[in-house]
Protein backbone atom coordinates (compact mmCIF):
# COMPACT_ATOMS: atom_id res chain seq x y z
CA MET A 1 5.70 24.25 -1.48
CA ARG A 2 4.38 20.74 -1.15
CA ILE A 3 0.88 19.30 -0.70
CA GLY A 4 0.28 16.02 1.04
CA LEU A 5 -3.17 14.40 0.49
CA ASP A 6 -4.41 11.27 2.23
CA VAL A 7 -7.76 9.73 1.27
CA GLY A 8 -8.84 7.41 3.80
CA GLY A 9 -11.96 5.38 4.44
CA THR A 10 -13.34 7.90 6.88
CA HIS A 11 -11.54 11.13 6.36
CA THR A 12 -9.53 13.02 3.70
CA ASP A 13 -6.57 14.95 5.04
CA ALA A 14 -4.51 17.53 3.38
CA VAL A 15 -1.45 19.59 4.46
CA LEU A 16 0.36 22.44 2.91
CA ILE A 17 4.12 22.60 3.87
CA ASP A 18 7.11 24.85 3.07
CA ARG A 19 10.47 24.88 4.55
CA THR A 20 9.27 26.96 7.55
CA GLY A 21 6.84 24.20 8.40
CA ILE A 22 3.12 23.25 8.28
CA VAL A 23 1.31 26.10 6.52
CA GLY A 24 -2.18 24.63 6.46
CA THR A 25 -4.13 21.55 7.33
CA ALA A 26 -7.53 20.18 6.51
CA LYS A 27 -9.56 17.27 7.57
CA VAL A 28 -12.92 16.53 5.94
CA PRO A 29 -15.25 13.40 5.72
CA THR A 30 -14.58 11.23 2.87
CA ASP A 31 -17.67 10.82 0.73
CA HIS A 32 -17.37 7.42 -1.07
CA ALA A 33 -20.25 8.36 -3.46
CA ASP A 34 -18.35 11.63 -4.36
CA LEU A 35 -14.63 11.35 -3.78
CA THR A 36 -14.06 14.41 -6.03
CA ALA A 37 -16.08 16.44 -3.52
CA SER A 38 -13.97 15.31 -0.68
CA VAL A 39 -10.69 15.81 -2.35
CA LEU A 40 -11.84 19.39 -3.56
CA ALA A 41 -12.98 20.29 0.00
CA ALA A 42 -9.52 19.24 1.47
CA LEU A 43 -7.62 21.09 -1.30
CA SER A 44 -9.65 24.26 -1.17
CA SER A 45 -8.98 24.43 2.43
CA VAL A 46 -5.13 24.35 2.18
CA ILE A 47 -4.35 25.86 -1.28
CA PRO A 48 -5.21 29.49 -0.39
CA ALA A 49 -2.64 29.45 2.41
CA ALA A 50 0.04 29.27 -0.32
CA GLY A 51 -0.82 32.97 -1.19
CA GLY A 52 -0.12 32.35 -4.85
CA ARG A 53 3.16 30.89 -4.39
CA PRO A 54 3.77 27.95 -6.78
CA ILE A 55 3.20 24.33 -5.47
CA SER A 56 6.00 22.12 -6.62
CA SER A 57 4.42 18.66 -5.91
CA VAL A 58 1.38 16.85 -4.73
CA ASN A 59 2.02 13.45 -3.11
CA LEU A 60 -0.86 11.16 -2.38
CA SER A 61 -1.58 8.33 -0.08
CA THR A 62 -4.71 6.31 0.35
CA THR A 63 -6.22 3.50 2.42
CA LEU A 64 -8.95 2.88 0.11
CA THR A 65 -7.50 -0.14 -1.59
CA THR A 66 -6.19 -1.57 1.68
CA ASN A 67 -9.60 -1.05 3.26
CA ALA A 68 -11.17 -2.84 0.31
CA ILE A 69 -9.05 -5.82 0.85
CA VAL A 70 -9.39 -5.88 4.56
CA GLU A 71 -13.12 -5.46 4.44
CA GLY A 72 -13.53 -7.98 1.63
CA THR A 73 -15.17 -5.53 -0.77
CA THR A 74 -12.75 -5.90 -3.80
CA GLU A 75 -14.16 -6.20 -7.20
CA PRO A 76 -14.91 -9.85 -8.30
CA THR A 77 -11.91 -10.75 -10.72
CA GLY A 78 -11.55 -13.43 -13.32
CA VAL A 79 -8.32 -15.17 -12.87
CA PHE A 80 -6.79 -17.16 -15.77
CA VAL A 81 -3.64 -19.21 -15.16
CA SER A 82 -1.35 -21.64 -17.08
CA ALA A 83 1.32 -23.45 -15.40
CA GLY A 84 2.26 -26.75 -17.09
CA PRO A 85 4.08 -29.56 -15.30
CA GLY A 86 5.69 -29.31 -11.83
CA ILE A 87 3.13 -27.23 -10.07
CA ASP A 88 -0.60 -27.34 -9.31
CA PRO A 89 -2.17 -24.07 -9.92
CA GLN A 90 -5.24 -24.96 -8.07
CA GLU A 91 -3.21 -24.68 -4.81
CA HIS A 92 -2.92 -21.00 -5.42
CA ARG A 93 -6.59 -20.46 -6.30
CA MET A 94 -7.77 -16.79 -5.92
CA GLY A 95 -11.53 -16.08 -5.84
CA GLU A 96 -14.54 -17.75 -7.25
CA HIS A 97 -13.74 -17.09 -10.86
CA TYR A 98 -10.42 -18.95 -11.23
CA TYR A 99 -9.72 -20.84 -14.37
CA VAL A 100 -6.70 -23.27 -15.21
CA ILE A 101 -5.88 -23.25 -19.06
CA ASP A 102 -3.85 -26.06 -20.28
CA GLY A 103 -0.58 -24.95 -21.88
CA SER A 104 2.92 -24.48 -20.89
CA ILE A 105 6.11 -22.44 -21.44
CA ASP A 106 9.38 -23.87 -20.05
CA HIS A 107 12.02 -22.03 -17.89
CA ARG A 108 13.93 -21.13 -21.15
CA GLY A 109 10.99 -19.40 -22.75
CA ALA A 110 10.07 -22.13 -25.22
CA GLU A 111 6.49 -23.21 -25.78
CA GLN A 112 6.04 -26.98 -24.70
CA GLU A 113 2.19 -27.00 -25.07
CA ARG A 114 -0.06 -24.62 -26.91
CA LEU A 115 -2.66 -22.87 -24.87
CA ASP A 116 -5.93 -24.66 -25.10
CA PRO A 117 -8.24 -22.37 -27.23
CA GLU A 118 -11.52 -24.18 -26.14
CA GLN A 119 -10.78 -23.91 -22.40
CA LEU A 120 -9.85 -20.19 -22.83
CA ALA A 121 -13.02 -19.53 -24.71
CA ASP A 122 -15.22 -21.38 -22.21
CA ALA A 123 -13.63 -19.69 -19.29
CA ALA A 124 -14.12 -16.28 -20.93
CA ASP A 125 -17.77 -16.96 -21.68
CA ALA A 126 -18.40 -18.04 -18.16
CA CYS A 127 -16.91 -14.73 -16.73
CA ARG A 128 -18.88 -12.67 -19.31
CA LYS A 129 -22.13 -14.28 -18.19
CA SER A 130 -21.19 -13.56 -14.55
CA GLY A 131 -20.66 -9.93 -15.38
CA ILE A 132 -16.86 -10.01 -14.65
CA ARG A 133 -15.11 -6.88 -15.82
CA THR A 134 -11.54 -7.11 -14.54
CA TYR A 135 -9.18 -9.92 -15.03
CA ALA A 136 -5.74 -11.33 -14.17
CA VAL A 137 -3.78 -13.54 -16.51
CA VAL A 138 -0.79 -15.42 -15.38
CA SER A 139 1.46 -18.14 -16.93
CA LYS A 140 4.33 -19.72 -15.08
CA PHE A 141 7.42 -18.47 -17.09
CA SER A 142 5.88 -15.44 -18.55
CA LEU A 143 9.06 -13.39 -17.72
CA ARG A 144 10.85 -15.67 -20.19
CA ASN A 145 8.11 -15.53 -22.77
CA PRO A 146 4.74 -13.63 -22.30
CA ALA A 147 2.99 -15.32 -25.34
CA HIS A 148 0.42 -17.22 -23.26
CA GLU A 149 -0.47 -14.27 -21.13
CA GLN A 150 -0.75 -12.03 -24.19
CA GLN A 151 -3.07 -14.76 -25.92
CA MET A 152 -5.28 -14.75 -22.87
CA GLU A 153 -5.32 -10.95 -22.57
CA SER A 154 -6.15 -10.59 -26.27
CA ARG A 155 -9.26 -13.09 -25.83
CA LEU A 156 -10.58 -11.05 -22.95
CA LEU A 157 -10.02 -7.37 -24.11
CA GLY A 158 -13.51 -7.30 -25.92
CA GLN A 159 -15.21 -8.08 -22.54
CA ALA A 160 -12.78 -6.39 -20.05
CA ASP A 161 -12.39 -2.96 -18.53
CA PHE A 162 -8.91 -3.89 -17.30
CA VAL A 163 -6.51 -6.90 -17.49
CA ALA A 164 -3.61 -7.45 -15.32
CA ALA A 165 -0.72 -9.41 -16.94
CA GLY A 166 1.55 -11.35 -14.71
CA HIS A 167 4.70 -10.45 -16.57
CA ARG A 168 4.06 -6.77 -15.95
CA MET A 169 3.86 -7.26 -12.09
CA ALA A 170 7.59 -7.56 -11.34
CA GLY A 171 10.84 -9.11 -12.75
CA ARG A 172 11.12 -12.00 -10.29
CA LEU A 173 10.13 -15.64 -10.89
CA ASN A 174 7.64 -16.71 -8.45
CA PHE A 175 4.38 -18.14 -9.76
CA PRO A 176 2.32 -18.14 -6.57
CA ARG A 177 3.25 -14.61 -5.73
CA ARG A 178 2.66 -13.43 -9.32
CA VAL A 179 -0.96 -15.00 -9.24
CA ALA A 180 -1.76 -13.09 -6.00
CA THR A 181 -0.21 -9.75 -7.14
CA ALA A 182 -1.99 -9.84 -10.41
CA CYS A 183 -5.36 -10.78 -8.97
CA LEU A 184 -5.13 -7.85 -6.40
CA ASN A 185 -4.00 -5.46 -8.98
CA ALA A 186 -7.15 -6.19 -10.94
CA SER A 187 -9.58 -6.42 -8.05
CA VAL A 188 -8.56 -2.85 -6.68
CA TRP A 189 -8.16 -1.35 -10.14
CA ARG A 190 -11.57 0.47 -10.27
CA THR A 191 -11.34 1.62 -6.70
CA PHE A 192 -7.94 3.15 -7.31
CA ASN A 193 -8.87 4.82 -10.53
CA ARG A 194 -12.08 6.44 -9.00
CA PHE A 195 -9.50 7.81 -6.41
CA ALA A 196 -7.17 8.99 -9.15
CA ASP A 197 -9.94 10.64 -11.23
CA ALA A 198 -11.14 12.56 -8.11
CA VAL A 199 -7.61 13.85 -7.26
CA GLU A 200 -7.06 15.08 -10.87
CA ALA A 201 -10.55 16.66 -10.98
CA GLY A 202 -9.95 18.45 -7.67
CA LEU A 203 -6.50 19.76 -8.75
CA GLN A 204 -7.73 21.05 -12.02
CA SER A 205 -10.58 22.83 -10.34
CA GLN A 206 -8.08 24.52 -8.07
CA ASN A 207 -5.83 25.42 -11.01
CA ALA A 208 -3.02 23.75 -9.15
CA PRO A 209 -0.48 22.52 -11.72
CA ALA A 210 2.11 20.26 -9.88
CA GLN A 211 3.83 17.08 -10.20
CA VAL A 212 1.49 14.39 -8.93
CA ALA A 213 2.72 11.26 -7.45
CA ILE A 214 1.37 8.37 -5.30
CA LEU A 215 3.20 7.09 -2.33
CA LYS A 216 4.21 3.35 -2.88
CA ALA A 217 4.03 0.63 -0.19
CA ASP A 218 7.88 0.80 0.15
CA GLY A 219 7.89 4.57 0.82
CA GLY A 220 8.98 5.49 -2.64
CA THR A 221 6.69 7.33 -5.09
CA MET A 222 5.49 6.84 -8.65
CA PRO A 223 3.64 9.16 -11.02
CA LEU A 224 -0.17 8.95 -10.72
CA ALA A 225 -0.52 8.09 -14.37
CA ALA A 226 1.78 4.98 -14.03
CA ALA A 227 -0.18 4.02 -10.78
CA ARG A 228 -3.33 3.67 -12.76
CA THR A 229 -2.25 0.40 -14.39
CA MET A 230 -0.36 -0.74 -11.18
CA PRO A 231 -2.75 0.12 -8.39
CA VAL A 232 -1.43 -2.88 -6.40
CA GLN A 233 1.57 -0.59 -5.55
CA SER A 234 -0.92 1.65 -3.70
CA ILE A 235 -1.82 -1.07 -1.28
CA LEU A 236 -0.52 -0.14 2.03
CA SER A 237 0.47 3.28 0.90
CA GLY A 238 -1.64 4.58 3.82
CA PRO A 239 0.57 2.79 6.26
CA ALA A 240 3.71 3.92 4.33
CA ALA A 241 2.44 7.47 4.81
CA SER A 242 1.81 6.88 8.54
CA ILE A 243 5.37 5.58 8.86
CA LEU A 244 6.84 8.53 7.13
CA GLY A 245 4.69 11.01 8.96
CA ILE A 246 5.81 9.68 12.47
CA ALA A 247 9.34 9.73 11.33
CA ALA A 248 8.86 13.36 10.12
CA LEU A 249 7.25 14.41 13.55
CA CYS A 250 9.38 12.51 15.96
CA ASP A 251 13.01 11.74 16.35
CA ILE A 252 12.76 7.89 16.81
CA ARG A 253 16.08 6.16 17.66
CA GLU A 254 14.77 3.04 19.36
CA ASP A 255 12.82 -0.13 18.43
CA ALA A 256 9.18 1.18 18.42
CA VAL A 257 5.70 0.35 17.29
CA LEU A 258 3.43 2.71 15.18
CA LEU A 259 -0.31 2.52 15.47
CA ASP A 260 -2.39 4.52 13.19
CA ILE A 261 -6.02 4.08 14.42
CA GLY A 262 -8.19 5.38 11.54
CA GLY A 263 -11.86 5.27 11.02
CA THR A 264 -12.04 1.95 9.45
CA SER A 265 -8.71 0.07 10.24
CA THR A 266 -5.73 0.09 12.50
CA ASP A 267 -2.28 0.12 10.76
CA ILE A 268 0.62 -1.34 12.68
CA ALA A 269 4.15 -0.75 11.65
CA LEU A 270 7.58 -1.38 13.20
CA PHE A 271 10.94 0.41 13.57
CA ALA A 272 14.16 -1.09 14.31
CA LYS A 273 16.67 1.37 15.87
CA GLY A 274 14.52 4.23 14.66
CA THR A 275 14.37 2.94 10.99
CA PRO A 276 11.30 1.56 9.35
CA LEU A 277 11.40 -2.10 8.47
CA LEU A 278 11.01 -3.46 4.90
CA VAL A 279 9.64 -6.71 3.38
CA PRO A 280 11.99 -6.85 0.24
CA GLU A 281 10.70 -10.16 -1.08
CA GLY A 282 7.10 -8.86 -1.06
CA ILE A 283 4.33 -8.58 1.57
CA SER A 284 1.64 -11.00 2.37
CA ILE A 285 -1.94 -9.58 1.84
CA ASN A 286 -4.76 -11.64 3.48
CA GLY A 287 -2.31 -14.29 4.02
CA ARG A 288 -1.21 -14.50 0.30
CA PRO A 289 2.53 -13.75 -0.46
CA THR A 290 2.74 -11.11 -3.22
CA LEU A 291 5.62 -9.32 -5.21
CA VAL A 292 4.83 -6.00 -3.64
CA ARG A 293 7.78 -4.53 -1.83
CA ALA A 294 6.65 -2.72 1.24
CA MET A 295 7.45 -1.29 4.54
CA GLN A 296 6.68 -3.84 7.33
CA ALA A 297 3.13 -3.13 8.31
CA ASP A 298 -0.24 -4.90 9.05
CA SER A 299 -3.79 -3.80 8.92
CA ILE A 300 -6.69 -5.02 11.13
CA ALA A 301 -10.32 -4.14 10.65
CA LEU A 302 -10.71 -2.09 13.70
CA GLY A 303 -11.02 1.81 13.87
CA GLY A 304 -13.04 4.54 15.25
CA ASP A 305 -16.10 3.87 13.08
CA SER A 306 -16.07 0.11 13.77
CA VAL A 307 -19.53 -1.09 14.74
CA LEU A 308 -20.17 -2.21 18.17
CA ARG A 309 -22.48 -5.17 18.73
CA ASN A 310 -23.78 -7.01 21.90
CA SER A 311 -23.32 -10.82 21.83
CA LEU A 312 -23.66 -13.64 24.28
CA GLU A 313 -19.87 -13.56 24.78
CA GLY A 314 -19.94 -9.82 25.35
CA ILE A 315 -19.39 -6.75 23.25
CA THR A 316 -17.83 -6.98 19.84
CA VAL A 317 -15.88 -4.31 17.81
CA GLY A 318 -16.15 -4.48 13.96
CA PRO A 319 -14.85 -5.69 11.57
CA ASP A 320 -17.30 -3.66 9.57
CA ARG A 321 -18.29 0.01 9.54
CA GLN A 322 -21.85 1.39 8.64
CA GLY A 323 -20.86 5.09 8.60
CA PRO A 324 -19.61 7.68 10.98
CA CYS A 325 -20.15 7.51 14.73
CA LEU A 326 -23.48 8.43 16.44
CA ALA A 327 -21.85 11.80 17.51
CA LEU A 328 -21.45 12.60 13.70
CA GLY A 329 -24.84 11.55 12.80
CA GLY A 330 -24.19 7.81 12.10
CA PRO A 331 -26.68 5.07 12.45
CA VAL A 332 -25.21 2.66 14.99
CA PRO A 333 -22.82 2.76 18.01
CA THR A 334 -19.12 2.81 17.17
CA LEU A 335 -15.72 2.59 18.88
CA MET A 336 -15.53 6.42 18.71
CA ASP A 337 -18.84 6.69 20.50
CA ALA A 338 -17.41 4.41 23.31
CA CYS A 339 -14.45 6.85 23.45
CA ILE A 340 -16.82 9.69 23.98
CA VAL A 341 -19.02 7.97 26.56
CA ALA A 342 -15.95 6.76 28.46
CA GLY A 343 -15.05 10.52 28.87
CA GLY A 344 -11.93 10.77 26.93
CA SER A 345 -13.04 12.37 23.49
CA ALA A 346 -14.88 15.51 22.26
CA ILE A 347 -16.10 14.96 18.62
CA GLY A 348 -19.40 15.92 17.04
CA ASP A 349 -22.61 15.99 19.27
CA ALA A 350 -21.69 14.21 22.44
CA ALA A 351 -25.41 14.10 23.41
CA LEU A 352 -26.13 11.95 20.37
CA ALA A 353 -23.44 9.48 21.41
CA HIS A 354 -24.77 9.34 24.93
CA ALA A 355 -28.31 8.83 23.94
CA GLY A 356 -27.50 6.15 21.39
CA PHE A 357 -25.08 4.29 23.68
CA ALA A 358 -27.54 4.25 26.65
CA ALA A 359 -29.97 2.38 24.49
CA PHE A 360 -27.19 0.10 23.25
CA ALA A 361 -25.87 -0.56 26.73
CA SER A 362 -29.36 -1.24 28.12
CA GLU A 363 -29.81 -3.99 25.64
CA ALA A 364 -26.87 -5.83 27.26
CA ARG A 365 -28.21 -4.71 30.79
CA GLN A 366 -25.05 -2.80 31.51
CA GLU A 367 -24.39 0.75 32.62
CA PRO A 368 -23.27 2.97 29.67
CA ALA A 369 -19.82 4.04 30.91
CA ALA A 370 -18.92 0.65 32.04
CA HIS A 371 -20.02 -0.81 28.65
CA ALA A 372 -18.12 1.84 26.73
CA ARG A 373 -14.90 0.87 28.78
CA SER A 374 -15.54 -2.88 27.86
CA ALA A 375 -15.52 -1.86 24.28
CA LEU A 376 -12.24 0.02 24.69
CA THR A 377 -10.83 -3.01 26.42
CA VAL A 378 -11.88 -5.24 23.50
CA ALA A 379 -10.23 -2.95 21.13
CA ILE A 380 -6.95 -2.73 22.99
CA THR A 381 -6.90 -6.45 23.33
CA ALA A 382 -7.25 -6.97 19.52
CA ILE A 383 -4.53 -4.31 18.91
CA LYS A 384 -2.16 -5.80 21.35
CA ARG A 385 -2.71 -9.27 19.98
CA ALA A 386 -1.91 -8.07 16.41
CA VAL A 387 1.21 -6.15 17.43
CA GLU A 388 2.56 -9.14 19.18
CA ALA A 389 2.00 -11.47 16.29
CA LEU A 390 3.73 -8.91 13.89
CA VAL A 391 6.70 -8.64 16.29
CA ALA A 392 6.87 -12.43 16.38
CA GLN A 393 6.63 -12.81 12.69
CA VAL A 394 9.40 -10.26 12.03
CA ASN A 395 11.70 -11.91 14.75
CA ASP A 396 11.18 -15.34 12.94
CA ARG A 397 13.27 -13.98 9.96
CA PRO A 398 16.13 -11.69 9.07
CA VAL A 399 15.49 -8.04 9.85
CA TYR A 400 15.60 -5.71 6.95
CA THR A 401 15.24 -1.78 7.20
CA VAL A 402 14.44 0.27 4.29
CA HIS A 403 18.29 0.76 3.83
CA GLU A 404 19.95 -2.42 4.97
CA MET A 405 19.82 -5.76 6.57
CA LEU A 406 20.54 -5.71 10.33
CA HIS A 407 22.82 -8.58 11.54
CA PRO A 408 21.44 -9.84 13.73
CA HIS A 409 18.59 -7.95 15.55
CA ARG A 410 15.55 -8.79 17.42
CA ILE A 411 12.78 -6.23 17.73
CA GLU A 412 11.96 -5.29 21.30
CA PRO A 413 9.73 -2.21 21.17
CA LYS A 414 10.58 0.42 23.70
CA LYS A 415 7.88 2.96 22.72
CA LEU A 416 4.39 3.16 21.03
CA TYR A 417 3.80 5.99 18.76
CA VAL A 418 -0.05 6.49 18.15
CA VAL A 419 -1.89 8.74 15.57
CA GLY A 420 -5.37 8.65 14.51
CA GLY A 421 -8.90 9.86 16.00
CA PRO A 422 -8.99 7.73 19.01
CA ALA A 423 -5.30 7.93 19.75
CA GLN A 424 -5.38 10.43 22.66
CA VAL A 425 -8.27 8.52 24.35
CA LEU A 426 -6.60 5.12 24.06
CA ALA A 427 -3.17 6.17 24.93
CA GLY A 428 -3.39 5.47 28.59
CA LEU A 429 -4.93 2.06 28.12
CA LEU A 430 -2.31 1.28 25.55
CA ALA A 431 0.38 2.28 27.94
CA ASP A 432 -1.10 -0.03 30.60
CA ALA A 433 -1.49 -2.95 28.13
CA PHE A 434 2.00 -2.69 26.64
CA GLY A 435 3.95 -1.51 29.69
CA CYS A 436 5.83 1.17 27.72
CA GLU A 437 5.72 4.83 26.93
CA VAL A 438 3.05 5.94 24.48
CA VAL A 439 3.64 9.09 22.45
CA VAL A 440 0.93 10.87 20.53
CA PRO A 441 2.74 13.61 18.56
CA PHE A 442 1.49 17.03 17.75
CA HIS A 443 -0.33 17.14 14.34
CA ALA A 444 -1.01 13.48 14.82
CA PRO A 445 -4.60 13.91 13.16
CA VAL A 446 -2.84 14.51 9.81
CA ALA A 447 0.41 12.61 10.11
CA ASN A 448 -0.51 10.51 7.01
CA ALA A 449 -0.78 13.87 4.86
CA ILE A 450 2.48 15.04 6.41
CA GLY A 451 4.34 11.71 5.54
CA ALA A 452 2.89 11.89 2.00
CA ALA A 453 3.99 15.40 1.47
CA LEU A 454 7.50 14.89 2.54
CA ALA A 455 8.09 11.61 0.81
CA ARG A 456 11.40 11.83 -0.94
CA THR A 457 10.78 11.95 -4.86
CA THR A 458 12.00 8.60 -6.24
CA ALA A 459 12.80 7.72 -9.81
CA GLU A 460 13.44 4.13 -11.04
CA LEU A 461 14.60 2.49 -14.17
CA GLU A 462 15.31 -0.94 -15.60
CA LEU A 463 18.30 -2.11 -17.49
CA LEU A 464 18.08 -5.11 -19.84
CA ALA A 465 21.16 -6.71 -21.36
CA ASP A 466 21.47 -9.73 -23.81
CA THR A 467 25.20 -10.74 -24.02
CA GLY A 468 24.23 -13.07 -26.87
CA ARG A 469 22.98 -10.41 -29.07
CA GLY A 470 25.40 -7.94 -27.79
CA ILE A 471 22.90 -5.20 -26.62
CA LYS A 472 21.97 -3.26 -23.61
CA LEU A 473 18.73 -1.42 -23.32
CA ILE A 474 17.45 1.26 -20.92
CA PRO A 475 13.94 1.64 -22.10
CA ARG A 476 12.92 4.61 -19.74
CA LEU A 477 15.74 6.61 -21.29
CA GLY A 478 15.61 5.25 -24.81
CA ILE A 479 19.23 3.99 -24.49
CA SER A 480 20.30 1.10 -26.79
CA GLU A 481 24.10 0.34 -26.81
CA GLU A 482 26.32 -2.45 -27.84
CA ILE A 483 28.07 -4.66 -25.36
CA ASP A 484 30.31 -7.64 -25.50
CA ARG A 485 30.02 -11.18 -24.19
CA ARG A 486 31.97 -10.44 -21.12
CA TYR A 487 29.41 -8.13 -19.71
CA THR A 488 28.34 -9.09 -16.28
CA LEU A 489 25.67 -8.42 -13.77
CA ASP A 490 28.15 -6.21 -11.91
CA ASP A 491 28.53 -4.20 -15.06
CA ALA A 492 24.75 -3.87 -15.32
CA ARG A 493 24.35 -2.71 -11.78
CA ARG A 494 27.13 -0.06 -12.32
CA ASP A 495 25.48 1.15 -15.61
CA ALA A 496 21.92 1.22 -14.14
CA ALA A 497 23.08 3.14 -11.04
CA ALA A 498 25.00 5.77 -13.19
CA ALA A 499 22.03 6.22 -15.68
CA LEU A 500 19.64 6.56 -12.69
CA CYS A 501 21.72 9.17 -10.96
CA THR A 502 22.10 11.15 -14.14
CA MET A 503 18.29 10.92 -14.81
CA SER A 504 17.25 12.02 -11.33
CA GLY A 505 20.14 14.41 -10.51
CA CYS A 506 21.10 12.27 -7.53
CA ALA A 507 24.64 13.00 -6.57
CA SER A 508 25.81 9.54 -5.33
CA ALA A 509 25.30 5.97 -6.16
CA THR A 510 24.98 5.24 -2.50
CA ASP A 511 21.40 6.48 -2.84
CA VAL A 512 20.47 3.83 -5.31
CA GLN A 513 18.55 0.78 -4.12
CA TYR A 514 18.39 -2.36 -6.27
CA LEU A 515 14.92 -3.71 -6.32
CA GLU A 516 15.48 -6.76 -8.54
CA GLU A 517 18.13 -8.30 -10.51
CA SER A 518 18.55 -11.47 -12.46
CA SER A 519 21.03 -13.32 -14.71
CA PHE A 520 19.68 -16.09 -17.00
CA THR A 521 21.79 -18.26 -18.97
CA MET A 522 20.23 -18.66 -22.65
CA ILE A 523 20.57 -22.11 -24.24
CA GLN A 524 20.18 -22.84 -27.78
CA GLY A 525 21.01 -26.15 -29.57
CA GLY A 526 22.15 -27.53 -26.27
CA ARG A 527 24.88 -24.88 -25.77
CA ALA A 528 25.03 -21.51 -23.92
CA THR A 529 24.57 -18.63 -26.28
CA GLY A 530 24.88 -15.79 -23.66
CA LYS A 531 23.27 -14.25 -20.77
CA ASP A 532 20.01 -12.44 -20.15
CA LEU A 533 20.65 -9.81 -17.45
CA ARG A 534 18.08 -7.49 -15.71
CA VAL A 535 18.58 -4.83 -13.18
CA HIS A 536 15.73 -2.77 -11.72
CA CYS A 537 16.72 0.02 -9.36
CA GLN A 538 15.43 3.14 -7.69
CA ILE A 539 16.49 6.15 -5.50
CA LYS A 540 16.15 5.06 -1.94
CA PRO A 541 12.82 6.04 -0.37
CA GLY A 542 12.97 8.51 2.52
CA LEU A 543 11.99 11.97 3.67
CA GLU A 544 12.91 15.31 2.22
CA GLN A 545 15.21 16.32 5.10
CA ALA A 546 15.19 20.09 4.16
CA TYR A 547 11.49 20.23 5.62
CA ILE A 548 11.99 18.21 8.72
CA ASP A 549 13.09 21.03 11.14
CA GLY A 550 10.43 23.34 10.04
CA VAL A 551 7.72 20.61 10.53
CA ARG A 552 8.95 19.77 14.00
CA ARG A 553 8.85 23.37 15.00
CA SER A 554 5.47 24.31 13.57
């Protein structure tokens, strides 16, 4: 049996699934002041349905980190960078506490200029006085030599709760992406670890020993313990769960759009010929390119709990939320209240929604039902604009699916798949706006949790080889073997795939996906001394097919 748990900004959802289908579901409000209580409430609702049978895995997804970025509520982070000649690090500035420290390491890993200790000390003192507790440290060629990042990290450890070092983010050279990735990793660290603490506490209280993993943005999984230091990988795990959930519930074969309209945000994803799209080079978050591989998705700050306001230009929707809708005891009118007043939703106490919305509409000298429909129109317009922008962005570059590149292919969506609280209410309006069929699948309210539960368990490893020294390392497996100078990148790919298949029990190398690979010629004394090779691979993300038929029948 498998549990899927999705902790969103508004609700925490859980499902219990076996091969016969969905055994139990739960949806409870997310209490941001007490996440443990929310997780415990969801788990305690579904675990009894197991009837004492063992639970093999718990897969998690969350929109908490995504929402924090979308809403601008991430933790202030100190960013220390060192670049050297050839690039102006100020062009890649992140946040208010951004410091450039003189010093440089060249592309071979040789130190050209020592890190300036006085600048480093002054920057650290300024951050300490500002109360900064999380940091990102990035030097331009830290993959070749992390010494400068390690010096910056060492200076900050006494005043930091967490330091994200650029050389730990990924194995590809790209200074601007590395700065953004390390900064985001640090800025969501506390939010993610509060979530992880809550999940572990909830599972312990339920005596539910199981393998616990977090869904990554690319649809793969990673152990929760590993994700605590790399929470940037959980950014867009919520949209990834939506994508996998829709794929589990529906037999998608065409170009399509997925909309997950949550309480805080709406996630938008695309399918090409029924297969989710991937951004292999790394997604852009808030307009900043990162090193985070992810399924193609976008998030806008619009959801069922988005606050409605009257303005001179008309009604506005979001981007903030101030709690649940009026019908659930919230303080101000929201999009979900508009859905209720427009006559298409039944949630909470409808009388509260109607009373509060009547006062809200009177401020604008509008009739309540008409004002509610105006709010829905504004929301639909914003969603349609975001979908069109995402489709145009994807069609401007090569199309990659989670398995392969499509040659050539332009996305032309034929269907809209919609999940989330307002999905049923907005379905008709969306169909009119987009001019295509809109599908709201059964079990749509817990689609994210289903996607998380059925995410295929992925394993990954890294192979490092130095032909000059004649050594090959696979740190994950503790392997250290001799190689000769003729060892190539193709050899490294073959050996990495074979080791991964053995480690994971995967039967075929065709299930292996190469995430990163590099070949760097080492120079010493003006001559080549060998090659530095690196291959990072994982089992391809996807769904556990053995459960799909049962889920679609249940």
